[in-house]
C-alpha atoms as a PDB file:
ATOM      1  CA  MET A   1       7.953  48.173  37.508  1.00  0.00           C
ATOM      2  CA  SER A   2       7.164  45.060  39.539  1.00  0.00           C
ATOM      3  CA  ILE A   3       9.019  41.970  40.659  1.00  0.00           C
ATOM      4  CA  PHE A   4       8.025  40.384  37.375  1.00  0.00           C
ATOM      5  CA  SER A   5      10.836  42.358  35.747  1.00  0.00           C
ATOM      6  CA  TYR A   6      13.460  40.239  37.536  1.00  0.00           C
ATOM      7  CA  GLN A   7      15.123  36.907  36.973  1.00  0.00           C
ATOM      8  CA  VAL A   8      16.101  34.669  39.857  1.00  0.00           C
ATOM      9  CA  PRO A   9      18.541  31.735  40.040  1.00  0.00           C
ATOM     10  CA  PHE A  10      16.742  28.430  40.495  1.00  0.00           C
ATOM     11  CA  MET A  11      18.478  25.396  41.929  1.00  0.00           C
ATOM     12  CA  ASP A  12      18.961  23.805  38.512  1.00  0.00           C
ATOM     13  CA  GLY A  13      21.421  26.575  37.677  1.00  0.00           C
ATOM     14  CA  HIS A  14      19.100  28.444  35.332  1.00  0.00           C
ATOM     15  CA  ALA A  15      17.738  31.923  35.899  1.00  0.00           C
ATOM     16  CA  ARG A  16      14.013  32.247  35.355  1.00  0.00           C
ATOM     17  CA  ASP A  17      11.756  35.245  35.004  1.00  0.00           C
ATOM     18  CA  LEU A  18       9.503  35.878  37.961  1.00  0.00           C
ATOM     19  CA  SER A  19       6.871  36.825  35.388  1.00  0.00           C
ATOM     20  CA  ALA A  20       6.094  33.087  35.258  1.00  0.00           C
ATOM     21  CA  LEU A  21       4.518  33.599  38.703  1.00  0.00           C
ATOM     22  CA  LYS A  22       2.088  36.337  37.634  1.00  0.00           C
ATOM     23  CA  GLY A  23      -1.239  35.836  39.324  1.00  0.00           C
ATOM     24  CA  LYS A  24       0.263  34.250  42.433  1.00  0.00           C
ATOM     25  CA  VAL A  25       0.705  35.761  45.880  1.00  0.00           C
ATOM     26  CA  LEU A  26       4.385  35.491  46.760  1.00  0.00           C
ATOM     27  CA  LEU A  27       6.231  35.404  50.031  1.00  0.00           C
ATOM     28  CA  ILE A  28       9.931  35.996  49.386  1.00  0.00           C
ATOM     29  CA  VAL A  29      12.209  35.086  52.288  1.00  0.00           C
ATOM     30  CA  ASN A  30      15.965  35.246  52.759  1.00  0.00           C
ATOM     31  CA  THR A  31      16.738  32.090  54.704  1.00  0.00           C
ATOM     32  CA  ALA A  32      19.557  30.466  56.638  1.00  0.00           C
ATOM     33  CA  SER A  33      19.139  26.863  57.720  1.00  0.00           C
ATOM     34  CA  ARG A  34      21.606  27.061  60.637  1.00  0.00           C
ATOM     35  CA  CYS A  35      20.110  30.256  62.092  1.00  0.00           C
ATOM     36  CA  SER A  36      18.052  30.064  65.285  1.00  0.00           C
ATOM     37  CA  TYR A  37      15.193  31.565  63.263  1.00  0.00           C
ATOM     38  CA  SER A  38      15.195  28.478  61.022  1.00  0.00           C
ATOM     39  CA  ARG A  39      12.349  27.340  63.266  1.00  0.00           C
ATOM     40  CA  GLN A  40      10.241  29.531  60.956  1.00  0.00           C
ATOM     41  CA  PHE A  41      10.616  26.936  58.196  1.00  0.00           C
ATOM     42  CA  SER A  42       7.872  24.826  59.793  1.00  0.00           C
ATOM     43  CA  GLU A  43       5.358  27.701  59.739  1.00  0.00           C
ATOM     44  CA  LEU A  44       6.346  28.607  56.179  1.00  0.00           C
ATOM     45  CA  GLN A  45       5.764  25.001  55.119  1.00  0.00           C
ATOM     46  CA  GLN A  46       2.470  24.897  57.002  1.00  0.00           C
ATOM     47  CA  MET A  47       1.222  27.992  55.150  1.00  0.00           C
ATOM     48  CA  TYR A  48       2.510  26.677  51.830  1.00  0.00           C
ATOM     49  CA  GLU A  49       0.552  23.449  52.251  1.00  0.00           C
ATOM     50  CA  LYS A  50      -2.561  25.330  53.345  1.00  0.00           C
ATOM     51  CA  TYR A  51      -2.598  28.020  50.640  1.00  0.00           C
ATOM     52  CA  ARG A  52      -0.651  26.698  47.656  1.00  0.00           C
ATOM     53  CA  GLU A  53      -3.787  25.582  45.829  1.00  0.00           C
ATOM     54  CA  GLN A  54      -5.230  29.089  46.335  1.00  0.00           C
ATOM     55  CA  GLY A  55      -2.203  30.685  44.677  1.00  0.00           C
ATOM     56  CA  LEU A  56       0.465  31.185  47.368  1.00  0.00           C
ATOM     57  CA  GLU A  57       4.064  30.610  46.352  1.00  0.00           C
ATOM     58  CA  ILE A  58       6.934  30.850  48.827  1.00  0.00           C
ATOM     59  CA  LEU A  59      10.416  31.487  47.481  1.00  0.00           C
ATOM     60  CA  ALA A  60      13.326  30.806  49.840  1.00  0.00           C
ATOM     61  CA  PHE A  61      16.578  32.563  48.992  1.00  0.00           C
ATOM     62  CA  PRO A  62      19.400  31.078  51.074  1.00  0.00           C
ATOM     63  CA  CYS A  63      21.940  33.657  52.197  1.00  0.00           C
ATOM     64  CA  ASN A  64      25.186  33.275  54.146  1.00  0.00           C
ATOM     65  CA  GLN A  65      25.728  36.965  54.953  1.00  0.00           C
ATOM     66  CA  PHE A  66      24.496  37.035  58.549  1.00  0.00           C
ATOM     67  CA  ASN A  67      26.915  35.263  60.909  1.00  0.00           C
ATOM     68  CA  GLU A  68      27.580  32.644  58.219  1.00  0.00           C
ATOM     69  CA  LYS A  69      24.457  30.672  59.104  1.00  0.00           C
ATOM     70  CA  GLU A  70      24.047  29.215  55.606  1.00  0.00           C
ATOM     71  CA  PRO A  71      27.266  27.321  54.853  1.00  0.00           C
ATOM     72  CA  GLY A  72      27.680  24.910  51.992  1.00  0.00           C
ATOM     73  CA  SER A  73      26.686  24.947  48.365  1.00  0.00           C
ATOM     74  CA  SER A  74      23.176  25.761  47.192  1.00  0.00           C
ATOM     75  CA  ALA A  75      22.527  22.074  46.520  1.00  0.00           C
ATOM     76  CA  GLU A  76      23.702  21.121  50.030  1.00  0.00           C
ATOM     77  CA  VAL A  77      21.462  23.793  51.517  1.00  0.00           C
ATOM     78  CA  ALA A  78      18.420  22.560  49.597  1.00  0.00           C
ATOM     79  CA  GLN A  79      19.095  18.942  50.547  1.00  0.00           C
ATOM     80  CA  TYR A  80      19.539  19.881  54.217  1.00  0.00           C
ATOM     81  CA  CYS A  81      16.331  21.971  54.276  1.00  0.00           C
ATOM     82  CA  ARG A  82      14.273  19.262  52.616  1.00  0.00           C
ATOM     83  CA  ARG A  83      15.628  16.596  54.995  1.00  0.00           C
ATOM     84  CA  GLU A  84      15.623  18.569  58.272  1.00  0.00           C
ATOM     85  CA  PHE A  85      12.592  20.828  57.770  1.00  0.00           C
ATOM     86  CA  GLN A  86      10.567  18.856  55.171  1.00  0.00           C
ATOM     87  CA  ILE A  87      10.414  21.902  52.892  1.00  0.00           C
ATOM     88  CA  SER A  88       8.528  21.459  49.637  1.00  0.00           C
ATOM     89  CA  PHE A  89       8.409  25.090  48.474  1.00  0.00           C
ATOM     90  CA  PRO A  90      11.120  26.325  46.086  1.00  0.00           C
ATOM     91  CA  ILE A  91      14.594  26.882  47.493  1.00  0.00           C
ATOM     92  CA  LEU A  92      16.598  28.978  45.081  1.00  0.00           C
ATOM     93  CA  GLU A  93      20.340  29.415  44.617  1.00  0.00           C
ATOM     94  CA  LYS A  94      22.177  31.266  47.370  1.00  0.00           C
ATOM     95  CA  VAL A  95      22.174  35.035  46.883  1.00  0.00           C
ATOM     96  CA  GLU A  96      23.456  38.119  48.609  1.00  0.00           C
ATOM     97  CA  VAL A  97      20.808  40.414  50.049  1.00  0.00           C
ATOM     98  CA  VAL A  98      23.078  43.221  51.291  1.00  0.00           C
ATOM     99  CA  GLY A  99      26.282  44.874  50.131  1.00  0.00           C
ATOM    100  CA  GLN A 100      27.930  45.423  46.780  1.00  0.00           C
ATOM    101  CA  SER A 101      26.756  42.115  45.291  1.00  0.00           C
ATOM    102  CA  ILE A 102      23.124  42.372  46.375  1.00  0.00           C
ATOM    103  CA  HIS A 103      20.797  40.519  44.040  1.00  0.00           C
ATOM    104  CA  PRO A 104      18.797  43.074  41.996  1.00  0.00           C
ATOM    105  CA  LEU A 105      15.503  41.606  43.220  1.00  0.00           C
ATOM    106  CA  PHE A 106      16.408  42.362  46.835  1.00  0.00           C
ATOM    107  CA  HIS A 107      17.557  45.838  45.888  1.00  0.00           C
ATOM    108  CA  TYR A 108      14.104  46.404  44.400  1.00  0.00           C
ATOM    109  CA  LEU A 109      12.298  44.862  47.387  1.00  0.00           C
ATOM    110  CA  ILE A 110      14.187  47.115  49.794  1.00  0.00           C
ATOM    111  CA  GLU A 111      13.347  50.209  47.747  1.00  0.00           C
ATOM    112  CA  GLU A 112       9.674  49.247  47.715  1.00  0.00           C
ATOM    113  CA  ALA A 113       9.527  48.252  51.395  1.00  0.00           C
ATOM    114  CA  PRO A 114      12.102  50.129  53.464  1.00  0.00           C
ATOM    115  CA  PHE A 115      13.066  49.052  56.970  1.00  0.00           C
ATOM    116  CA  GLN A 116      10.496  50.315  59.488  1.00  0.00           C
ATOM    117  CA  GLY A 117      12.241  49.032  62.587  1.00  0.00           C
ATOM    118  CA  TYR A 118      11.543  46.111  64.854  1.00  0.00           C
ATOM    119  CA  ASP A 119       8.430  45.845  66.989  1.00  0.00           C
ATOM    120  CA  LEU A 120       9.831  47.206  70.225  1.00  0.00           C
ATOM    121  CA  ASP A 121       6.633  46.247  72.049  1.00  0.00           C
ATOM    122  CA  THR A 122       7.799  42.634  71.943  1.00  0.00           C
ATOM    123  CA  GLU A 123      10.679  41.029  73.790  1.00  0.00           C
ATOM    124  CA  GLN A 124      11.988  39.474  70.557  1.00  0.00           C
ATOM    125  CA  GLY A 125      11.801  42.801  68.756  1.00  0.00           C
ATOM    126  CA  GLN A 126      13.709  44.558  71.536  1.00  0.00           C
ATOM    127  CA  TRP A 127      16.341  41.819  71.596  1.00  0.00           C
ATOM    128  CA  MET A 128      16.836  41.840  67.816  1.00  0.00           C
ATOM    129  CA  ASP A 129      16.984  45.641  67.702  1.00  0.00           C
ATOM    130  CA  ASN A 130      19.703  45.689  70.383  1.00  0.00           C
ATOM    131  CA  PHE A 131      21.566  42.750  68.840  1.00  0.00           C
ATOM    132  CA  VAL A 132      21.832  44.279  65.371  1.00  0.00           C
ATOM    133  CA  LYS A 133      22.632  47.769  66.715  1.00  0.00           C
ATOM    134  CA  GLU A 134      25.379  46.479  69.003  1.00  0.00           C
ATOM    135  CA  LYS A 135      26.881  43.578  67.051  1.00  0.00           C
ATOM    136  CA  HIS A 136      26.236  44.673  63.450  1.00  0.00           C
ATOM    137  CA  PRO A 137      25.781  48.457  63.399  1.00  0.00           C
ATOM    138  CA  GLN A 138      26.664  48.605  59.695  1.00  0.00           C
ATOM    139  CA  LEU A 139      23.583  46.468  58.972  1.00  0.00           C
ATOM    140  CA  TYR A 140      21.312  48.616  61.116  1.00  0.00           C
ATOM    141  CA  GLN A 141      21.956  51.699  59.029  1.00  0.00           C
ATOM    142  CA  GLY A 142      19.664  52.345  56.073  1.00  0.00           C
ATOM    143  CA  ASP A 143      16.795  50.279  54.747  1.00  0.00           C
ATOM    144  CA  GLY A 144      18.567  47.054  53.801  1.00  0.00           C
ATOM    145  CA  VAL A 145      17.808  43.562  55.022  1.00  0.00           C
ATOM    146  CA  LYS A 146      18.925  43.339  58.637  1.00  0.00           C
ATOM    147  CA  TRP A 147      19.001  39.578  59.239  1.00  0.00           C
ATOM    148  CA  ASN A 148      17.871  36.136  58.122  1.00  0.00           C
ATOM    149  CA  PHE A 149      14.174  35.477  57.590  1.00  0.00           C
ATOM    150  CA  THR A 150      13.161  38.921  56.444  1.00  0.00           C
ATOM    151  CA  LYS A 151       9.943  38.361  54.526  1.00  0.00           C
ATOM    152  CA  PHE A 152       8.434  40.343  51.621  1.00  0.00           C
ATOM    153  CA  LEU A 153       4.782  39.845  50.685  1.00  0.00           C
ATOM    154  CA  ILE A 154       3.877  40.389  47.026  1.00  0.00           C
ATOM    155  CA  ASP A 155       0.377  40.640  45.536  1.00  0.00           C
ATOM    156  CA  ARG A 156      -0.830  38.885  42.392  1.00  0.00           C
ATOM    157  CA  SER A 157       0.174  41.888  40.259  1.00  0.00           C
ATOM    158  CA  GLY A 158       3.783  41.797  41.479  1.00  0.00           C
ATOM    159  CA  ASN A 159       3.547  44.738  43.877  1.00  0.00           C
ATOM    160  CA  VAL A 160       5.226  44.655  47.278  1.00  0.00           C
ATOM    161  CA  GLN A 161       2.511  44.757  49.931  1.00  0.00           C
ATOM    162  CA  GLY A 162       4.569  44.336  53.070  1.00  0.00           C
ATOM    163  CA  ARG A 163       7.891  43.683  54.695  1.00  0.00           C
ATOM    164  CA  TYR A 164       8.127  41.605  57.833  1.00  0.00           C
ATOM    165  CA  GLU A 165      11.308  41.488  59.833  1.00  0.00           C
ATOM    166  CA  THR A 166      13.040  38.452  61.289  1.00  0.00           C
ATOM    167  CA  THR A 167      11.084  38.462  64.530  1.00  0.00           C
ATOM    168  CA  VAL A 168       7.695  38.293  62.807  1.00  0.00           C
ATOM    169  CA  ALA A 169       6.635  34.661  62.671  1.00  0.00           C
ATOM    170  CA  PRO A 170       5.179  33.511  59.343  1.00  0.00           C
ATOM    171  CA  LEU A 171       1.790  32.691  60.884  1.00  0.00           C
ATOM    172  CA  GLU A 172       1.510  36.325  62.000  1.00  0.00           C
ATOM    173  CA  ILE A 173       1.435  37.245  58.304  1.00  0.00           C
ATOM    174  CA  GLU A 174      -1.366  34.785  57.531  1.00  0.00           C
ATOM    175  CA  PRO A 175      -4.222  37.354  57.701  1.00  0.00           C
ATOM    176  CA  ALA A 176      -2.450  39.583  55.138  1.00  0.00           C
ATOM    177  CA  ILE A 177      -1.866  36.554  52.906  1.00  0.00           C
ATOM    178  CA  GLN A 178      -5.520  35.559  53.150  1.00  0.00           C
ATOM    179  CA  ILE A 179      -6.616  39.043  52.045  1.00  0.00           C
ATOM    180  CA  LEU A 180      -4.287  38.985  49.029  1.00  0.00           C
ATOM    181  CA  LEU A 181      -5.425  35.483  48.072  1.00  0.00           C
ATOM    182  CA  LYS A 182      -9.070  36.586  48.115  1.00  0.00           C
ATOM    183  CA  ASN A 183      -8.338  39.557  45.855  1.00  0.00           C
ATOM    184  CA  SER A 184      -8.140  38.241  42.329  1.00  0.00           C
END
């Protein structure tokens, strides 16, 4: 099984098979436009512009489950992100990435790339680890998505190649993306 077995809700209200993206390197991100980590949108856009022609596709899945940092309808979210962050990569319908109503794609991604912890050698990693443990201990348990801007890197065959937590900036993933883009 790969991610190509799943359908995802696009902004036009229709679900589409991810199999249409076979042959592309994907970066799947749960996003929240009002989160302090929304600053990562600029690096995501920068990478999208740089590598789109080589086969990179970024899929943003807005989610309002972490401190309600993605209010509004899916259409409002997309409009806000395009206006405020100049996003041109696909922004999909809002989904849930934890809990009883978790989107099946995220359930699969979590199974394939379990939580490995935050990088405690960094100040941001230490802060995020303490924040989630203290303020949201139910989220810290298990392998689920812990916060906004968790990123999953997928190879051209639909296999999960990496999971990068909130505190990992998109440009830090660039070397891994470059390797996957070179492998055809």
